[in-house]
Structures are given as structure tokens and as C-alpha cells.
């Protein structure tokens, strides 16, 4: 994922986050700052050397994205994963996560933060082997957020 990809990713990310807000909060829209105009990518992907982004593509169409932070000691962070609602519940997220694990085999642990109300996300992360934890030194605590971690043996 590069700057040139942001334009194609914005509507996909917006649909994914807005769909979650509608399902779980009854709101028409909602997501992290900049999710609807590309600033999210410009803030969390482009300026950091350890940040790596991938587009999820199906039949030459961008249908999702993922940002990971690959840290020196192998304690890595899943910054975001999103899939267009039209392609959810078809194994796209699972396959994307399997790609990440295969791409970074030296990872010792993965961690992430997600909204407390995003229960579909919780189920997905648990399916991928994550466990909910009370705190993590690499994930700053946020109000209305929960932390998940996956230790790799």
C-alpha cells in the first residue's frame, strides 16, 4: 500500500467502518479520525518505517486493507484490518490474516486495540487465535476500547 492507493481505499474503509457503526451503534457513520478522507493512512501508515500496509484485492478490485507495525523484537501490532461489507463473511478477513502470519513468521506476538462495542471484530480476532487482555505495554489504553493479543509459540 502506497500513497497512490489511498484514493481507492477510502471508500472501502468508509463502507466497512460505517457498516460497523450502523450495526452496533445505530449511527449512519463512524470510524477513527481520518477514515473517510485518507488521513488515517497518512497518519498511521506513511510516516512510519515499521508500518506496512497491504491492499486486499479480488478480481482486480480493492476490497479491503490492512496495516501492521513490524517491530524489532517481533512483538508486532495489527493497526487495522477492514473488508468491504459486500465481501464480509466470505473468508476474506481470515485469508488476509493468514497471509500476514505467513509473511511475518518471526513474529513472537501480535496485539491490537478495537472498540468495545465492535463485537463482530472480537469474534473475528478470537477465531484468529487472539485473546482479550487487560492491558499491553505497546497498546495505549483508550476509553471504550479493548486489547487483544496473540502469542506465537
C-alpha atoms as a PDB file:
ATOM      1  CA  UNK A   1       0.000   0.000   0.000  1.00  0.00           C
ATOM      2  CA  UNK A   2       1.354   3.375  -1.033  1.00  0.00           C
ATOM      3  CA  UNK A   3       0.095   6.962  -1.236  1.00  0.00           C
ATOM      4  CA  UNK A   4      -1.283   6.296  -4.717  1.00  0.00           C
ATOM      5  CA  UNK A   5      -3.538   3.524  -3.315  1.00  0.00           C
ATOM      6  CA  UNK A   6      -5.270   5.735  -0.751  1.00  0.00           C
ATOM      7  CA  UNK A   7      -7.890   7.049  -3.176  1.00  0.00           C
ATOM      8  CA  UNK A   8      -9.137   3.508  -3.892  1.00  0.00           C
ATOM      9  CA  UNK A   9      -9.014   2.533  -0.207  1.00  0.00           C
ATOM     10  CA  UNK A  10     -11.019   5.470   1.198  1.00  0.00           C
ATOM     11  CA  UNK A  11     -14.487   4.351   0.020  1.00  0.00           C
ATOM     12  CA  UNK A  12     -13.820   0.746   1.065  1.00  0.00           C
ATOM     13  CA  UNK A  13     -12.675   1.769   4.547  1.00  0.00           C
ATOM     14  CA  UNK A  14     -15.603   4.173   4.862  1.00  0.00           C
ATOM     15  CA  UNK A  15     -18.141   1.469   3.924  1.00  0.00           C
ATOM     16  CA  UNK A  16     -16.561  -1.016   6.351  1.00  0.00           C
ATOM     17  CA  UNK A  17     -16.445   1.338   9.341  1.00  0.00           C
ATOM     18  CA  UNK A  18     -19.836   2.903   8.607  1.00  0.00           C
ATOM     19  CA  UNK A  19     -21.368  -0.565   8.373  1.00  0.00           C
ATOM     20  CA  UNK A  20     -19.995  -1.407  11.841  1.00  0.00           C
ATOM     21  CA  UNK A  21     -21.318   1.871  13.260  1.00  0.00           C
ATOM     22  CA  UNK A  22     -24.758   1.165  11.795  1.00  0.00           C
ATOM     23  CA  UNK A  23     -24.876  -2.418  13.098  1.00  0.00           C
ATOM     24  CA  UNK A  24     -23.524  -1.797  16.573  1.00  0.00           C
ATOM     25  CA  UNK A  25     -24.299   1.830  17.384  1.00  0.00           C
ATOM     26  CA  UNK A  26     -27.275   2.668  15.204  1.00  0.00           C
ATOM     27  CA  UNK A  27     -25.296   5.531  13.635  1.00  0.00           C
ATOM     28  CA  UNK A  28     -25.098   6.254   9.918  1.00  0.00           C
ATOM     29  CA  UNK A  29     -21.350   6.687  10.039  1.00  0.00           C
ATOM     30  CA  UNK A  30     -18.413   6.307  12.352  1.00  0.00           C
ATOM     31  CA  UNK A  31     -14.773   5.394  12.408  1.00  0.00           C
ATOM     32  CA  UNK A  32     -11.393   6.546  13.622  1.00  0.00           C
ATOM     33  CA  UNK A  33     -10.252  10.057  12.708  1.00  0.00           C
ATOM     34  CA  UNK A  34      -9.457  10.314   9.019  1.00  0.00           C
ATOM     35  CA  UNK A  35     -11.090   7.039   7.992  1.00  0.00           C
ATOM     36  CA  UNK A  36     -13.298   8.875   5.485  1.00  0.00           C
ATOM     37  CA  UNK A  37     -10.747  11.127   3.779  1.00  0.00           C
ATOM     38  CA  UNK A  38      -7.427   9.223   3.701  1.00  0.00           C
ATOM     39  CA  UNK A  39      -5.850  10.962   6.667  1.00  0.00           C
ATOM     40  CA  UNK A  40      -5.933   7.686   8.631  1.00  0.00           C
ATOM     41  CA  UNK A  41      -3.429   6.207   6.158  1.00  0.00           C
ATOM     42  CA  UNK A  42      -1.384   9.382   6.058  1.00  0.00           C
ATOM     43  CA  UNK A  43      -1.194   9.355   9.871  1.00  0.00           C
ATOM     44  CA  UNK A  44      -0.684   5.672  10.657  1.00  0.00           C
ATOM     45  CA  UNK A  45       0.928   4.187   7.556  1.00  0.00           C
ATOM     46  CA  UNK A  46       3.054   6.571   5.548  1.00  0.00           C
ATOM     47  CA  UNK A  47       5.223   8.306   8.175  1.00  0.00           C
ATOM     48  CA  UNK A  48       6.447   5.177   9.980  1.00  0.00           C
ATOM     49  CA  UNK A  49       9.256   2.951   8.770  1.00  0.00           C
ATOM     50  CA  UNK A  50       7.874  -0.020  10.734  1.00  0.00           C
ATOM     51  CA  UNK A  51       4.366   0.422   9.312  1.00  0.00           C
ATOM     52  CA  UNK A  52       3.415  -1.775   6.357  1.00  0.00           C
ATOM     53  CA  UNK A  53       0.113  -1.670   4.510  1.00  0.00           C
ATOM     54  CA  UNK A  54      -1.476  -4.136   2.133  1.00  0.00           C
ATOM     55  CA  UNK A  55      -4.458  -3.852  -0.179  1.00  0.00           C
ATOM     56  CA  UNK A  56      -6.869  -6.767  -0.293  1.00  0.00           C
ATOM     57  CA  UNK A  57      -7.808  -7.339  -3.918  1.00  0.00           C
ATOM     58  CA  UNK A  58     -10.389  -9.590  -5.547  1.00  0.00           C
ATOM     59  CA  UNK A  59     -10.642  -9.723  -9.332  1.00  0.00           C
ATOM     60  CA  UNK A  60      -8.614  -6.518  -9.677  1.00  0.00           C
ATOM     61  CA  UNK A  61     -10.934  -4.658  -7.269  1.00  0.00           C
ATOM     62  CA  UNK A  62      -9.749  -3.273  -3.917  1.00  0.00           C
ATOM     63  CA  UNK A  63     -11.995  -4.841  -1.267  1.00  0.00           C
ATOM     64  CA  UNK A  64     -10.051  -4.225   1.932  1.00  0.00           C
ATOM     65  CA  UNK A  65      -6.828  -3.291   3.584  1.00  0.00           C
ATOM     66  CA  UNK A  66      -4.548  -3.984   6.487  1.00  0.00           C
ATOM     67  CA  UNK A  67      -1.824  -2.075   8.308  1.00  0.00           C
ATOM     68  CA  UNK A  68       0.711  -3.807  10.537  1.00  0.00           C
ATOM     69  CA  UNK A  69       3.619  -2.437  12.520  1.00  0.00           C
ATOM     70  CA  UNK A  70       6.603  -4.760  12.413  1.00  0.00           C
ATOM     71  CA  UNK A  71       8.715  -4.038  15.473  1.00  0.00           C
ATOM     72  CA  UNK A  72      12.368  -5.038  16.064  1.00  0.00           C
ATOM     73  CA  UNK A  73      11.776  -7.649  18.793  1.00  0.00           C
ATOM     74  CA  UNK A  74       8.927  -9.418  16.980  1.00  0.00           C
ATOM     75  CA  UNK A  75       6.153  -8.038  19.190  1.00  0.00           C
ATOM     76  CA  UNK A  76       4.097  -6.694  16.313  1.00  0.00           C
ATOM     77  CA  UNK A  77       0.889  -4.668  16.129  1.00  0.00           C
ATOM     78  CA  UNK A  78      -2.153  -5.033  13.928  1.00  0.00           C
ATOM     79  CA  UNK A  79      -3.052  -1.401  13.252  1.00  0.00           C
ATOM     80  CA  UNK A  80      -6.185  -2.061  11.231  1.00  0.00           C
ATOM     81  CA  UNK A  81      -7.893  -4.630   9.083  1.00  0.00           C
ATOM     82  CA  UNK A  82     -11.030  -3.859   7.137  1.00  0.00           C
ATOM     83  CA  UNK A  83     -13.094  -5.576   4.454  1.00  0.00           C
ATOM     84  CA  UNK A  84     -15.838  -4.075   2.327  1.00  0.00           C
ATOM     85  CA  UNK A  85     -19.184  -5.245   3.800  1.00  0.00           C
ATOM     86  CA  UNK A  86     -20.074  -6.803   0.430  1.00  0.00           C
ATOM     87  CA  UNK A  87     -17.166  -9.233   0.905  1.00  0.00           C
ATOM     88  CA  UNK A  88     -17.501  -9.931   4.638  1.00  0.00           C
ATOM     89  CA  UNK A  89     -18.360 -13.393   5.930  1.00  0.00           C
ATOM     90  CA  UNK A  90     -16.735 -14.994   2.866  1.00  0.00           C
ATOM     91  CA  UNK A  91     -13.333 -15.800   4.406  1.00  0.00           C
ATOM     92  CA  UNK A  92     -11.602 -12.665   3.123  1.00  0.00           C
ATOM     93  CA  UNK A  93     -10.561 -11.470   6.580  1.00  0.00           C
ATOM     94  CA  UNK A  94      -9.395 -14.942   7.593  1.00  0.00           C
ATOM     95  CA  UNK A  95      -7.332 -15.342   4.405  1.00  0.00           C
ATOM     96  CA  UNK A  96      -5.880 -11.867   4.846  1.00  0.00           C
ATOM     97  CA  UNK A  97      -4.836 -12.680   8.398  1.00  0.00           C
ATOM     98  CA  UNK A  98      -3.282 -15.978   7.262  1.00  0.00           C
ATOM     99  CA  UNK A  99      -1.278 -14.009   4.672  1.00  0.00           C
ATOM    100  CA  UNK A 100       0.026 -11.696   7.416  1.00  0.00           C
ATOM    101  CA  UNK A 101       1.070 -14.574   9.660  1.00  0.00           C
ATOM    102  CA  UNK A 102       2.821 -16.320   6.756  1.00  0.00           C
ATOM    103  CA  UNK A 103       4.537 -13.067   5.713  1.00  0.00           C
ATOM    104  CA  UNK A 104       5.933 -12.438   9.214  1.00  0.00           C
ATOM    105  CA  UNK A 105       6.957 -15.882  10.538  1.00  0.00           C
ATOM    106  CA  UNK A 106       9.419 -14.433  13.066  1.00  0.00           C
ATOM    107  CA  UNK A 107       6.640 -12.691  14.993  1.00  0.00           C
ATOM    108  CA  UNK A 108       6.590 -13.531  18.710  1.00  0.00           C
ATOM    109  CA  UNK A 109       3.256 -11.826  19.393  1.00  0.00           C
ATOM    110  CA  UNK A 110       0.552  -9.750  17.764  1.00  0.00           C
ATOM    111  CA  UNK A 111      -1.562  -7.187  19.586  1.00  0.00           C
ATOM    112  CA  UNK A 112      -4.322  -4.743  18.735  1.00  0.00           C
ATOM    113  CA  UNK A 113      -6.941  -2.424  20.163  1.00  0.00           C
ATOM    114  CA  UNK A 114     -10.556  -2.369  18.973  1.00  0.00           C
ATOM    115  CA  UNK A 115     -13.769  -0.681  20.128  1.00  0.00           C
ATOM    116  CA  UNK A 116     -15.562  -2.439  22.979  1.00  0.00           C
ATOM    117  CA  UNK A 117     -18.830  -2.317  21.003  1.00  0.00           C
ATOM    118  CA  UNK A 118     -17.372  -3.974  17.866  1.00  0.00           C
ATOM    119  CA  UNK A 119     -18.341  -7.490  18.895  1.00  0.00           C
ATOM    120  CA  UNK A 120     -18.035  -8.884  15.358  1.00  0.00           C
ATOM    121  CA  UNK A 121     -14.386  -7.804  15.435  1.00  0.00           C
ATOM    122  CA  UNK A 122     -13.932  -9.533  18.799  1.00  0.00           C
ATOM    123  CA  UNK A 123     -15.291 -12.780  17.357  1.00  0.00           C
ATOM    124  CA  UNK A 124     -13.008 -12.493  14.313  1.00  0.00           C
ATOM    125  CA  UNK A 125      -9.890 -11.868  16.406  1.00  0.00           C
ATOM    126  CA  UNK A 126     -10.706 -14.780  18.701  1.00  0.00           C
ATOM    127  CA  UNK A 127     -11.187 -17.005  15.638  1.00  0.00           C
ATOM    128  CA  UNK A 128      -7.679 -15.933  14.552  1.00  0.00           C
ATOM    129  CA  UNK A 129      -6.262 -17.000  17.932  1.00  0.00           C
ATOM    130  CA  UNK A 130      -6.206 -13.682  19.789  1.00  0.00           C
ATOM    131  CA  UNK A 131      -7.157 -13.456  23.454  1.00  0.00           C
ATOM    132  CA  UNK A 132      -8.568 -10.446  25.210  1.00  0.00           C
ATOM    133  CA  UNK A 133      -6.130  -8.980  27.747  1.00  0.00           C
ATOM    134  CA  UNK A 134      -6.475  -6.289  30.385  1.00  0.00           C
ATOM    135  CA  UNK A 135      -3.510  -4.236  29.204  1.00  0.00           C
ATOM    136  CA  UNK A 136      -0.484  -4.276  26.947  1.00  0.00           C
ATOM    137  CA  UNK A 137       2.629  -2.143  27.118  1.00  0.00           C
ATOM    138  CA  UNK A 138       2.550  -1.480  23.351  1.00  0.00           C
ATOM    139  CA  UNK A 139      -1.129  -0.549  23.055  1.00  0.00           C
ATOM    140  CA  UNK A 140      -2.121   2.620  24.887  1.00  0.00           C
ATOM    141  CA  UNK A 141      -5.390   2.207  26.768  1.00  0.00           C
ATOM    142  CA  UNK A 142      -8.311   4.108  25.281  1.00  0.00           C
ATOM    143  CA  UNK A 143     -11.768   4.666  26.679  1.00  0.00           C
ATOM    144  CA  UNK A 144     -14.312   2.247  25.152  1.00  0.00           C
ATOM    145  CA  UNK A 145     -11.528   0.091  23.692  1.00  0.00           C
ATOM    146  CA  UNK A 146     -10.391  -3.462  24.377  1.00  0.00           C
ATOM    147  CA  UNK A 147      -6.999  -5.034  23.753  1.00  0.00           C
ATOM    148  CA  UNK A 148      -6.312  -8.388  22.188  1.00  0.00           C
ATOM    149  CA  UNK A 149      -3.013 -10.268  21.975  1.00  0.00           C
ATOM    150  CA  UNK A 150      -1.849 -13.407  20.250  1.00  0.00           C
ATOM    151  CA  UNK A 151       1.276 -15.131  21.476  1.00  0.00           C
ATOM    152  CA  UNK A 152       3.113 -17.206  18.863  1.00  0.00           C
ATOM    153  CA  UNK A 153       4.748 -20.377  20.144  1.00  0.00           C
END
